[in-house]
Amino acid sequence: MVNDFPTQYRFDETERNAYNAAFHELGFRWHWDSDTYSQLTRSGLNAEQQLRHYIETQQAHLLKAYDTDFLVGVIQEKQSVHRQRTAASAARPGRHFDWAQTLGGELGA
């Protein structure tokens, strides 16, 4: 069972999935898999700096249209909402959506 996993793993998965939900809600076509999230968290940067680094190095094309501070702010805002929603729904702990399944799929296309 997922509840048998260490607390830090459950926390990391909740955070990672909240970011992925935020990316999806905002229409971004990427997700953070476990390896990407792990690399970012091991970097020694805080959450805002991790997100900024990822955008600047992996999604730099967005900076032609959006300010980095704006992107970081809106993503963190949405991530916080999704994290709180997950924390409030303790009925099914540890169940997460497979965000890789959303790549390439579009609604109404």
PDB file of N, CA and C in Angstrom:
ATOM      1  N   MET A   1       0.832  -1.185   0.000  1.00  0.00           N
ATOM      2  CA  MET A   1       0.000   0.000   0.000  1.00  0.00           C
ATOM      3  C   MET A   1       0.876   1.248   0.000  1.00  0.00           C
ATOM      4  N   VAL A   2       0.355   2.307  -0.569  1.00  0.00           N
ATOM      5  CA  VAL A   2       1.066   3.573  -0.637  1.00  0.00           C
ATOM      6  C   VAL A   2       1.344   4.120   0.758  1.00  0.00           C
ATOM      7  N   ASN A   3       0.459   3.889   1.704  1.00  0.00           N
ATOM      8  CA  ASN A   3       0.674   4.397   3.053  1.00  0.00           C
ATOM      9  C   ASN A   3       1.877   3.759   3.726  1.00  0.00           C
ATOM     10  N   ASP A   4       2.388   2.661   3.155  1.00  0.00           N
ATOM     11  CA  ASP A   4       3.578   2.022   3.692  1.00  0.00           C
ATOM     12  C   ASP A   4       4.858   2.726   3.235  1.00  0.00           C
ATOM     13  N   PHE A   5       4.749   3.611   2.239  1.00  0.00           N
ATOM     14  CA  PHE A   5       5.905   4.339   1.751  1.00  0.00           C
ATOM     15  C   PHE A   5       6.331   5.380   2.784  1.00  0.00           C
ATOM     16  N   PRO A   6       7.606   5.750   2.763  1.00  0.00           N
ATOM     17  CA  PRO A   6       8.069   6.784   3.692  1.00  0.00           C
ATOM     18  C   PRO A   6       7.304   8.100   3.500  1.00  0.00           C
ATOM     19  N   THR A   7       7.190   8.845   4.578  1.00  0.00           N
ATOM     20  CA  THR A   7       6.453  10.105   4.557  1.00  0.00           C
ATOM     21  C   THR A   7       7.005  11.052   3.502  1.00  0.00           C
ATOM     22  N   GLN A   8       8.331  11.147   3.373  1.00  0.00           N
ATOM     23  CA  GLN A   8       8.930  12.061   2.393  1.00  0.00           C
ATOM     24  C   GLN A   8       8.521  11.682   0.975  1.00  0.00           C
ATOM     25  N   TYR A   9       8.454  10.389   0.685  1.00  0.00           N
ATOM     26  CA  TYR A   9       8.028   9.953  -0.651  1.00  0.00           C
ATOM     27  C   TYR A   9       6.591  10.392  -0.914  1.00  0.00           C
ATOM     28  N   ARG A  10       5.707  10.186   0.043  1.00  0.00           N
ATOM     29  CA  ARG A  10       4.303  10.589  -0.133  1.00  0.00           C
ATOM     30  C   ARG A  10       4.196  12.098  -0.325  1.00  0.00           C
ATOM     31  N   PHE A  11       4.970  12.856   0.451  1.00  0.00           N
ATOM     32  CA  PHE A  11       4.970  14.316   0.314  1.00  0.00           C
ATOM     33  C   PHE A  11       5.451  14.717  -1.075  1.00  0.00           C
ATOM     34  N   ASP A  12       6.570  14.142  -1.518  1.00  0.00           N
ATOM     35  CA  ASP A  12       7.120  14.467  -2.839  1.00  0.00           C
ATOM     36  C   ASP A  12       6.135  14.133  -3.951  1.00  0.00           C
ATOM     37  N   GLU A  13       5.481  12.991  -3.852  1.00  0.00           N
ATOM     38  CA  GLU A  13       4.515  12.604  -4.878  1.00  0.00           C
ATOM     39  C   GLU A  13       3.311  13.536  -4.895  1.00  0.00           C
ATOM     40  N   THR A  14       2.880  13.958  -3.731  1.00  0.00           N
ATOM     41  CA  THR A  14       1.770  14.907  -3.657  1.00  0.00           C
ATOM     42  C   THR A  14       2.167  16.234  -4.285  1.00  0.00           C
ATOM     43  N   GLU A  15       3.357  16.716  -3.970  1.00  0.00           N
ATOM     44  CA  GLU A  15       3.848  17.974  -4.537  1.00  0.00           C
ATOM     45  C   GLU A  15       3.997  17.859  -6.055  1.00  0.00           C
ATOM     46  N   ARG A  16       4.632  16.795  -6.505  1.00  0.00           N
ATOM     47  CA  ARG A  16       4.868  16.589  -7.939  1.00  0.00           C
ATOM     48  C   ARG A  16       3.555  16.513  -8.699  1.00  0.00           C
ATOM     49  N   ASN A  17       2.607  15.791  -8.174  1.00  0.00           N
ATOM     50  CA  ASN A  17       1.314  15.664  -8.848  1.00  0.00           C
ATOM     51  C   ASN A  17       0.533  16.970  -8.822  1.00  0.00           C
ATOM     52  N   ALA A  18       0.699  17.764  -7.778  1.00  0.00           N
ATOM     53  CA  ALA A  18       0.050  19.074  -7.741  1.00  0.00           C
ATOM     54  C   ALA A  18       0.650  19.988  -8.813  1.00  0.00           C
ATOM     55  N   TYR A  19       1.962  19.915  -9.013  1.00  0.00           N
ATOM     56  CA  TYR A  19       2.575  20.677 -10.105  1.00  0.00           C
ATOM     57  C   TYR A  19       2.040  20.201 -11.447  1.00  0.00           C
ATOM     58  N   ASN A  20       1.962  18.896 -11.636  1.00  0.00           N
ATOM     59  CA  ASN A  20       1.471  18.366 -12.908  1.00  0.00           C
ATOM     60  C   ASN A  20       0.025  18.770 -13.171  1.00  0.00           C
ATOM     61  N   ALA A  21      -0.788  18.786 -12.136  1.00  0.00           N
ATOM     62  CA  ALA A  21      -2.173  19.236 -12.292  1.00  0.00           C
ATOM     63  C   ALA A  21      -2.203  20.711 -12.676  1.00  0.00           C
ATOM     64  N   ALA A  22      -1.319  21.507 -12.083  1.00  0.00           N
ATOM     65  CA  ALA A  22      -1.238  22.933 -12.419  1.00  0.00           C
ATOM     66  C   ALA A  22      -0.801  23.119 -13.873  1.00  0.00           C
ATOM     67  N   PHE A  23       0.212  22.374 -14.300  1.00  0.00           N
ATOM     68  CA  PHE A  23       0.666  22.474 -15.688  1.00  0.00           C
ATOM     69  C   PHE A  23      -0.483  22.156 -16.644  1.00  0.00           C
ATOM     70  N   HIS A  24      -1.190  21.089 -16.334  1.00  0.00           N
ATOM     71  CA  HIS A  24      -2.297  20.658 -17.190  1.00  0.00           C
ATOM     72  C   HIS A  24      -3.406  21.714 -17.225  1.00  0.00           C
ATOM     73  N   GLU A  25      -3.777  22.211 -16.063  1.00  0.00           N
ATOM     74  CA  GLU A  25      -4.835  23.212 -15.999  1.00  0.00           C
ATOM     75  C   GLU A  25      -4.475  24.468 -16.797  1.00  0.00           C
ATOM     76  N   LEU A  26      -3.200  24.827 -16.789  1.00  0.00           N
ATOM     77  CA  LEU A  26      -2.754  26.021 -17.493  1.00  0.00           C
ATOM     78  C   LEU A  26      -2.496  25.775 -18.983  1.00  0.00           C
ATOM     79  N   GLY A  27      -2.672  24.525 -19.420  1.00  0.00           N
ATOM     80  CA  GLY A  27      -2.527  24.214 -20.838  1.00  0.00           C
ATOM     81  C   GLY A  27      -1.107  23.924 -21.285  1.00  0.00           C
ATOM     82  N   PHE A  28      -0.197  23.726 -20.342  1.00  0.00           N
ATOM     83  CA  PHE A  28       1.175  23.388 -20.704  1.00  0.00           C
ATOM     84  C   PHE A  28       1.255  21.911 -21.072  1.00  0.00           C
ATOM     85  N   ARG A  29       2.022  21.607 -22.071  1.00  0.00           N
ATOM     86  CA  ARG A  29       2.120  20.238 -22.558  1.00  0.00           C
ATOM     87  C   ARG A  29       3.352  19.524 -22.022  1.00  0.00           C
ATOM     88  N   TRP A  30       3.548  19.634 -20.741  1.00  0.00           N
ATOM     89  CA  TRP A  30       4.631  18.881 -20.122  1.00  0.00           C
ATOM     90  C   TRP A  30       4.175  18.408 -18.763  1.00  0.00           C
ATOM     91  N   HIS A  31       4.914  17.447 -18.255  1.00  0.00           N
ATOM     92  CA  HIS A  31       4.694  16.978 -16.890  1.00  0.00           C
ATOM     93  C   HIS A  31       6.050  16.630 -16.307  1.00  0.00           C
ATOM     94  N   TRP A  32       6.109  16.613 -14.995  1.00  0.00           N
ATOM     95  CA  TRP A  32       7.332  16.213 -14.320  1.00  0.00           C
ATOM     96  C   TRP A  32       7.193  14.757 -13.918  1.00  0.00           C
ATOM     97  N   ASP A  33       8.069  13.914 -14.458  1.00  0.00           N
ATOM     98  CA  ASP A  33       8.104  12.531 -14.003  1.00  0.00           C
ATOM     99  C   ASP A  33       8.934  12.494 -12.708  1.00  0.00           C
ATOM    100  N   SER A  34       9.019  11.340 -12.109  1.00  0.00           N
ATOM    101  CA  SER A  34       9.727  11.226 -10.826  1.00  0.00           C
ATOM    102  C   SER A  34      11.186  11.639 -10.941  1.00  0.00           C
ATOM    103  N   ASP A  35      11.835  11.267 -12.045  1.00  0.00           N
ATOM    104  CA  ASP A  35      13.249  11.604 -12.219  1.00  0.00           C
ATOM    105  C   ASP A  35      13.458  13.114 -12.332  1.00  0.00           C
ATOM    106  N   THR A  36      12.626  13.776 -13.126  1.00  0.00           N
ATOM    107  CA  THR A  36      12.750  15.229 -13.282  1.00  0.00           C
ATOM    108  C   THR A  36      12.536  15.925 -11.947  1.00  0.00           C
ATOM    109  N   TYR A  37      11.476  15.539 -11.240  1.00  0.00           N
ATOM    110  CA  TYR A  37      11.185  16.167  -9.951  1.00  0.00           C
ATOM    111  C   TYR A  37      12.326  15.915  -8.958  1.00  0.00           C
ATOM    112  N   SER A  38      12.851  14.703  -8.959  1.00  0.00           N
ATOM    113  CA  SER A  38      13.940  14.356  -8.054  1.00  0.00           C
ATOM    114  C   SER A  38      15.188  15.195  -8.352  1.00  0.00           C
ATOM    115  N   GLN A  39      15.517  15.373  -9.629  1.00  0.00           N
ATOM    116  CA  GLN A  39      16.667  16.199 -10.000  1.00  0.00           C
ATOM    117  C   GLN A  39      16.487  17.639  -9.532  1.00  0.00           C
ATOM    118  N   LEU A  40      15.288  18.158  -9.709  1.00  0.00           N
ATOM    119  CA  LEU A  40      15.026  19.531  -9.287  1.00  0.00           C
ATOM    120  C   LEU A  40      15.135  19.687  -7.775  1.00  0.00           C
ATOM    121  N   THR A  41      14.593  18.742  -7.026  1.00  0.00           N
ATOM    122  CA  THR A  41      14.614  18.868  -5.570  1.00  0.00           C
ATOM    123  C   THR A  41      16.018  18.642  -4.999  1.00  0.00           C
ATOM    124  N   ARG A  42      16.825  17.860  -5.687  1.00  0.00           N
ATOM    125  CA  ARG A  42      18.212  17.638  -5.231  1.00  0.00           C
ATOM    126  C   ARG A  42      19.118  18.819  -5.555  1.00  0.00           C
ATOM    127  N   SER A  43      18.643  19.764  -6.328  1.00  0.00           N
ATOM    128  CA  SER A  43      19.476  20.880  -6.776  1.00  0.00           C
ATOM    129  C   SER A  43      19.860  21.830  -5.643  1.00  0.00           C
ATOM    130  N   GLY A  44      19.157  21.765  -4.523  1.00  0.00           N
ATOM    131  CA  GLY A  44      19.428  22.669  -3.418  1.00  0.00           C
ATOM    132  C   GLY A  44      18.703  24.003  -3.533  1.00  0.00           C
ATOM    133  N   LEU A  45      17.926  24.160  -4.596  1.00  0.00           N
ATOM    134  CA  LEU A  45      17.158  25.384  -4.797  1.00  0.00           C
ATOM    135  C   LEU A  45      15.816  25.267  -4.089  1.00  0.00           C
ATOM    136  N   ASN A  46      15.219  26.410  -3.738  1.00  0.00           N
ATOM    137  CA  ASN A  46      13.876  26.346  -3.174  1.00  0.00           C
ATOM    138  C   ASN A  46      12.875  26.113  -4.309  1.00  0.00           C
ATOM    139  N   ALA A  47      11.617  25.898  -3.972  1.00  0.00           N
ATOM    140  CA  ALA A  47      10.609  25.518  -4.976  1.00  0.00           C
ATOM    141  C   ALA A  47      10.488  26.550  -6.091  1.00  0.00           C
ATOM    142  N   GLU A  48      10.488  27.833  -5.730  1.00  0.00           N
ATOM    143  CA  GLU A  48      10.382  28.880  -6.750  1.00  0.00           C
ATOM    144  C   GLU A  48      11.587  28.857  -7.684  1.00  0.00           C
ATOM    145  N   GLN A  49      12.779  28.698  -7.115  1.00  0.00           N
ATOM    146  CA  GLN A  49      14.002  28.651  -7.917  1.00  0.00           C
ATOM    147  C   GLN A  49      14.041  27.408  -8.801  1.00  0.00           C
ATOM    148  N   GLN A  50      13.523  26.280  -8.290  1.00  0.00           N
ATOM    149  CA  GLN A  50      13.475  25.050  -9.093  1.00  0.00           C
ATOM    150  C   GLN A  50      12.594  25.252 -10.319  1.00  0.00           C
ATOM    151  N   LEU A  51      11.440  25.836 -10.094  1.00  0.00           N
ATOM    152  CA  LEU A  51      10.498  26.086 -11.181  1.00  0.00           C
ATOM    153  C   LEU A  51      11.094  27.069 -12.183  1.00  0.00           C
ATOM    154  N   ARG A  52      11.694  28.123 -11.692  1.00  0.00           N
ATOM    155  CA  ARG A  52      12.343  29.115 -12.551  1.00  0.00           C
ATOM    156  C   ARG A  52      13.439  28.445 -13.400  1.00  0.00           C
ATOM    157  N   HIS A  53      14.269  27.641 -12.761  1.00  0.00           N
ATOM    158  CA  HIS A  53      15.337  26.937 -13.478  1.00  0.00           C
ATOM    159  C   HIS A  53      14.763  26.037 -14.575  1.00  0.00           C
ATOM    160  N   TYR A  54      13.722  25.293 -14.235  1.00  0.00           N
ATOM    161  CA  TYR A  54      13.112  24.398 -15.219  1.00  0.00           C
ATOM    162  C   TYR A  54      12.571  25.188 -16.416  1.00  0.00           C
ATOM    163  N   ILE A  55      11.860  26.257 -16.149  1.00  0.00           N
ATOM    164  CA  ILE A  55      11.292  27.063 -17.235  1.00  0.00           C
ATOM    165  C   ILE A  55      12.410  27.632 -18.109  1.00  0.00           C
ATOM    166  N   GLU A  56      13.428  28.183 -17.478  1.00  0.00           N
ATOM    167  CA  GLU A  56      14.507  28.823 -18.230  1.00  0.00           C
ATOM    168  C   GLU A  56      15.341  27.833 -19.027  1.00  0.00           C
ATOM    169  N   THR A  57      15.454  26.590 -18.568  1.00  0.00           N
ATOM    170  CA  THR A  57      16.295  25.615 -19.260  1.00  0.00           C
ATOM    171  C   THR A  57      15.520  24.640 -20.146  1.00  0.00           C
ATOM    172  N   GLN A  58      14.279  24.332 -19.780  1.00  0.00           N
ATOM    173  CA  GLN A  58      13.527  23.318 -20.518  1.00  0.00           C
ATOM    174  C   GLN A  58      12.337  23.867 -21.310  1.00  0.00           C
ATOM    175  N   GLN A  59      11.863  25.041 -20.936  1.00  0.00           N
ATOM    176  CA  GLN A  59      10.690  25.629 -21.600  1.00  0.00           C
ATOM    177  C   GLN A  59      10.964  27.084 -21.973  1.00  0.00           C
ATOM    178  N   ALA A  60      12.190  27.377 -22.369  1.00  0.00           N
ATOM    179  CA  ALA A  60      12.617  28.755 -22.626  1.00  0.00           C
ATOM    180  C   ALA A  60      11.795  29.435 -23.722  1.00  0.00           C
ATOM    181  N   HIS A  61      11.205  28.662 -24.617  1.00  0.00           N
ATOM    182  CA  HIS A  61      10.382  29.263 -25.677  1.00  0.00           C
ATOM    183  C   HIS A  61       9.218  30.064 -25.101  1.00  0.00           C
ATOM    184  N   LEU A  62       8.749  29.702 -23.911  1.00  0.00           N
ATOM    185  CA  LEU A  62       7.651  30.440 -23.279  1.00  0.00           C
ATOM    186  C   LEU A  62       8.050  31.860 -22.894  1.00  0.00           C
ATOM    187  N   LEU A  63       9.346  32.075 -22.728  1.00  0.00           N
ATOM    188  CA  LEU A  63       9.816  33.385 -22.285  1.00  0.00           C
ATOM    189  C   LEU A  63       9.755  34.426 -23.399  1.00  0.00           C
ATOM    190  N   LYS A  64       9.462  33.987 -24.601  1.00  0.00           N
ATOM    191  CA  LYS A  64       9.244  34.931 -25.702  1.00  0.00           C
ATOM    192  C   LYS A  64       7.894  35.628 -25.544  1.00  0.00           C
ATOM    193  N   ALA A  65       6.972  34.974 -24.850  1.00  0.00           N
ATOM    194  CA  ALA A  65       5.622  35.527 -24.683  1.00  0.00           C
ATOM    195  C   ALA A  65       5.289  35.904 -23.241  1.00  0.00           C
ATOM    196  N   TYR A  66       5.966  35.277 -22.278  1.00  0.00           N
ATOM    197  CA  TYR A  66       5.619  35.484 -20.872  1.00  0.00           C
ATOM    198  C   TYR A  66       6.858  35.840 -20.059  1.00  0.00           C
ATOM    199  N   ASP A  67       6.655  36.616 -19.035  1.00  0.00           N
ATOM    200  CA  ASP A  67       7.693  36.943 -18.080  1.00  0.00           C
ATOM    201  C   ASP A  67       7.903  35.757 -17.139  1.00  0.00           C
ATOM    202  N   THR A  68       9.139  35.481 -16.792  1.00  0.00           N
ATOM    203  CA  THR A  68       9.437  34.347 -15.911  1.00  0.00           C
ATOM    204  C   THR A  68       8.716  34.471 -14.572  1.00  0.00           C
ATOM    205  N   ASP A  69       8.736  35.662 -13.991  1.00  0.00           N
ATOM    206  CA  ASP A  69       8.062  35.856 -12.703  1.00  0.00           C
ATOM    207  C   ASP A  69       6.571  35.559 -12.798  1.00  0.00           C
ATOM    208  N   PHE A  70       5.958  35.973 -13.902  1.00  0.00           N
ATOM    209  CA  PHE A  70       4.528  35.700 -14.105  1.00  0.00           C
ATOM    210  C   PHE A  70       4.281  34.194 -14.167  1.00  0.00           C
ATOM    211  N   LEU A  71       5.072  33.479 -14.974  1.00  0.00           N
ATOM    212  CA  LEU A  71       4.888  32.032 -15.109  1.00  0.00           C
ATOM    213  C   LEU A  71       5.081  31.322 -13.777  1.00  0.00           C
ATOM    214  N   VAL A  72       6.146  31.656 -13.080  1.00  0.00           N
ATOM    215  CA  VAL A  72       6.409  31.027 -11.784  1.00  0.00           C
ATOM    216  C   VAL A  72       5.255  31.305 -10.826  1.00  0.00           C
ATOM    217  N   GLY A  73       4.802  32.532 -10.785  1.00  0.00           N
ATOM    218  CA  GLY A  73       3.719  32.900  -9.877  1.00  0.00           C
ATOM    219  C   GLY A  73       2.425  32.174 -10.161  1.00  0.00           C
ATOM    220  N   VAL A  74       2.008  32.136 -11.420  1.00  0.00           N
ATOM    221  CA  VAL A  74       0.732  31.490 -11.758  1.00  0.00           C
ATOM    222  C   VAL A  74       0.811  29.978 -11.569  1.00  0.00           C
ATOM    223  N   ILE A  75       1.948  29.379 -11.881  1.00  0.00           N
ATOM    224  CA  ILE A  75       2.103  27.931 -11.670  1.00  0.00           C
ATOM    225  C   ILE A  75       2.074  27.617 -10.185  1.00  0.00           C
ATOM    226  N   GLN A  76       2.791  28.397  -9.385  1.00  0.00           N
ATOM    227  CA  GLN A  76       2.797  28.139  -7.939  1.00  0.00           C
ATOM    228  C   GLN A  76       1.415  28.340  -7.326  1.00  0.00           C
ATOM    229  N   GLU A  77       0.694  29.321  -7.812  1.00  0.00           N
ATOM    230  CA  GLU A  77      -0.660  29.561  -7.312  1.00  0.00           C
ATOM    231  C   GLU A  77      -1.558  28.356  -7.594  1.00  0.00           C
ATOM    232  N   LYS A  78      -1.517  27.866  -8.820  1.00  0.00           N
ATOM    233  CA  LYS A  78      -2.342  26.704  -9.188  1.00  0.00           C
ATOM    234  C   LYS A  78      -1.866  25.452  -8.461  1.00  0.00           C
ATOM    235  N   GLN A  79      -0.565  25.302  -8.317  1.00  0.00           N
ATOM    236  CA  GLN A  79      -0.025  24.136  -7.618  1.00  0.00           C
ATOM    237  C   GLN A  79      -0.501  24.117  -6.180  1.00  0.00           C
ATOM    238  N   SER A  80      -0.539  25.266  -5.548  1.00  0.00           N
ATOM    239  CA  SER A  80      -0.999  25.357  -4.166  1.00  0.00           C
ATOM    240  C   SER A  80      -2.466  24.935  -4.043  1.00  0.00           C
ATOM    241  N   VAL A  81      -3.282  25.376  -4.979  1.00  0.00           N
ATOM    242  CA  VAL A  81      -4.700  24.990  -4.973  1.00  0.00           C
ATOM    243  C   VAL A  81      -4.842  23.475  -5.110  1.00  0.00           C
ATOM    244  N   HIS A  82      -4.092  22.894  -6.025  1.00  0.00           N
ATOM    245  CA  HIS A  82      -4.184  21.442  -6.233  1.00  0.00           C
ATOM    246  C   HIS A  82      -3.631  20.673  -5.038  1.00  0.00           C
ATOM    247  N   ARG A  83      -2.575  21.185  -4.412  1.00  0.00           N
ATOM    248  CA  ARG A  83      -2.024  20.526  -3.226  1.00  0.00           C
ATOM    249  C   ARG A  83      -3.035  20.543  -2.089  1.00  0.00           C
ATOM    250  N   GLN A  84      -3.686  21.671  -1.886  1.00  0.00           N
ATOM    251  CA  GLN A  84      -4.695  21.779  -0.831  1.00  0.00           C
ATOM    252  C   GLN A  84      -5.878  20.862  -1.118  1.00  0.00           C
ATOM    253  N   ARG A  85      -6.270  20.770  -2.360  1.00  0.00           N
ATOM    254  CA  ARG A  85      -7.382  19.890  -2.745  1.00  0.00           C
ATOM    255  C   ARG A  85      -7.015  18.434  -2.453  1.00  0.00           C
ATOM    256  N   THR A  86      -5.780  18.069  -2.751  1.00  0.00           N
ATOM    257  CA  THR A  86      -5.330  16.701  -2.485  1.00  0.00           C
ATOM    258  C   THR A  86      -5.311  16.421  -0.985  1.00  0.00           C
ATOM    259  N   ALA A  87      -4.823  17.372  -0.212  1.00  0.00           N
ATOM    260  CA  ALA A  87      -4.765  17.201   1.240  1.00  0.00           C
ATOM    261  C   ALA A  87      -6.163  17.081   1.838  1.00  0.00           C
ATOM    262  N   ALA A  88      -7.118  17.785   1.245  1.00  0.00           N
ATOM    263  CA  ALA A  88      -8.493  17.765   1.760  1.00  0.00           C
ATOM    264  C   ALA A  88      -9.223  16.478   1.401  1.00  0.00           C
ATOM    265  N   SER A  89      -8.741  15.777   0.395  1.00  0.00           N
ATOM    266  CA  SER A  89      -9.424  14.550  -0.024  1.00  0.00           C
ATOM    267  C   SER A  89      -8.611  13.333   0.415  1.00  0.00           C
ATOM    268  N   ALA A  90      -8.559  13.119   1.682  1.00  0.00           N
ATOM    269  CA  ALA A  90      -7.771  12.017   2.247  1.00  0.00           C
ATOM    270  C   ALA A  90      -8.456  10.667   2.076  1.00  0.00           C
ATOM    271  N   ALA A  91      -9.599  10.631   1.403  1.00  0.00           N
ATOM    272  CA  ALA A  91     -10.341   9.377   1.246  1.00  0.00           C
ATOM    273  C   ALA A  91      -9.556   8.351   0.430  1.00  0.00           C
ATOM    274  N   ARG A  92      -8.782   8.827  -0.538  1.00  0.00           N
ATOM    275  CA  ARG A  92      -8.007   7.918  -1.388  1.00  0.00           C
ATOM    276  C   ARG A  92      -6.550   8.363  -1.416  1.00  0.00           C
ATOM    277  N   PRO A  93      -5.844   8.223  -0.308  1.00  0.00           N
ATOM    278  CA  PRO A  93      -4.466   8.700  -0.250  1.00  0.00           C
ATOM    279  C   PRO A  93      -3.562   7.949  -1.219  1.00  0.00           C
ATOM    280  N   GLY A  94      -2.639   8.691  -1.807  1.00  0.00           N
ATOM    281  CA  GLY A  94      -1.633   8.060  -2.649  1.00  0.00           C
ATOM    282  C   GLY A  94      -2.053   7.762  -4.068  1.00  0.00           C
ATOM    283  N   ARG A  95      -3.290   8.011  -4.431  1.00  0.00           N
ATOM    284  CA  ARG A  95      -3.720   7.750  -5.796  1.00  0.00           C
ATOM    285  C   ARG A  95      -3.435   8.992  -6.630  1.00  0.00           C
ATOM    286  N   HIS A  96      -2.679   8.781  -7.696  1.00  0.00           N
ATOM    287  CA  HIS A  96      -2.311   9.900  -8.540  1.00  0.00           C
ATOM    288  C   HIS A  96      -2.574   9.557  -9.994  1.00  0.00           C
ATOM    289  N   PHE A  97      -2.888  10.561 -10.737  1.00  0.00           N
ATOM    290  CA  PHE A  97      -3.141  10.444 -12.158  1.00  0.00           C
ATOM    291  C   PHE A  97      -1.819  10.256 -12.890  1.00  0.00           C
ATOM    292  N   ASP A  98      -1.813   9.468 -13.950  1.00  0.00           N
ATOM    293  CA  ASP A  98      -0.617   9.280 -14.772  1.00  0.00           C
ATOM    294  C   ASP A  98      -0.568  10.404 -15.801  1.00  0.00           C
ATOM    295  N   TRP A  99       0.182  11.453 -15.509  1.00  0.00           N
ATOM    296  CA  TRP A  99       0.217  12.645 -16.350  1.00  0.00           C
ATOM    297  C   TRP A  99       0.836  12.365 -17.708  1.00  0.00           C
ATOM    298  N   ALA A 100       1.635  11.331 -17.825  1.00  0.00           N
ATOM    299  CA  ALA A 100       2.232  10.993 -19.123  1.00  0.00           C
ATOM    300  C   ALA A 100       1.150  10.630 -20.138  1.00  0.00           C
ATOM    301  N   GLN A 101      -0.007  10.185 -19.664  1.00  0.00           N
ATOM    302  CA  GLN A 101      -1.090   9.820 -20.571  1.00  0.00           C
ATOM    303  C   GLN A 101      -1.705  11.036 -21.262  1.00  0.00           C
ATOM    304  N   THR A 102      -1.486  12.221 -20.741  1.00  0.00           N
ATOM    305  CA  THR A 102      -2.096  13.413 -21.323  1.00  0.00           C
ATOM    306  C   THR A 102      -1.295  13.967 -22.478  1.00  0.00           C
ATOM    307  N   LEU A 103      -0.060  13.553 -22.636  1.00  0.00           N
ATOM    308  CA  LEU A 103       0.785  14.096 -23.694  1.00  0.00           C
ATOM    309  C   LEU A 103       0.234  13.718 -25.060  1.00  0.00           C
ATOM    310  N   GLY A 104       0.071  14.703 -25.891  1.00  0.00           N
ATOM    311  CA  GLY A 104      -0.396  14.465 -27.253  1.00  0.00           C
ATOM    312  C   GLY A 104      -1.896  14.408 -27.384  1.00  0.00           C
ATOM    313  N   GLY A 105      -2.593  14.314 -26.266  1.00  0.00           N
ATOM    314  CA  GLY A 105      -4.044  14.249 -26.329  1.00  0.00           C
ATOM    315  C   GLY A 105      -4.648  15.627 -26.123  1.00  0.00           C
ATOM    316  N   GLU A 106      -5.638  15.957 -26.929  1.00  0.00           N
ATOM    317  CA  GLU A 106      -6.304  17.243 -26.780  1.00  0.00           C
ATOM    318  C   GLU A 106      -7.803  17.032 -26.773  1.00  0.00           C
ATOM    319  N   LEU A 107      -8.467  17.776 -25.925  1.00  0.00           N
ATOM    320  CA  LEU A 107      -9.917  17.712 -25.890  1.00  0.00           C
ATOM    321  C   LEU A 107     -10.490  18.460 -27.089  1.00  0.00           C
ATOM    322  N   GLY A 108     -11.511  17.927 -27.673  1.00  0.00           N
ATOM    323  CA  GLY A 108     -12.189  18.587 -28.769  1.00  0.00           C
ATOM    324  C   GLY A 108     -11.446  18.584 -30.078  1.00  0.00           C
ATOM    325  N   ALA A 109     -10.334  17.879 -30.132  1.00  0.00           N
ATOM    326  CA  ALA A 109      -9.554  17.848 -31.386  1.00  0.00           C
ATOM    327  C   ALA A 109     -10.047  16.758 -32.298  1.00  0.00           C
TER     328      ALA A 109
END
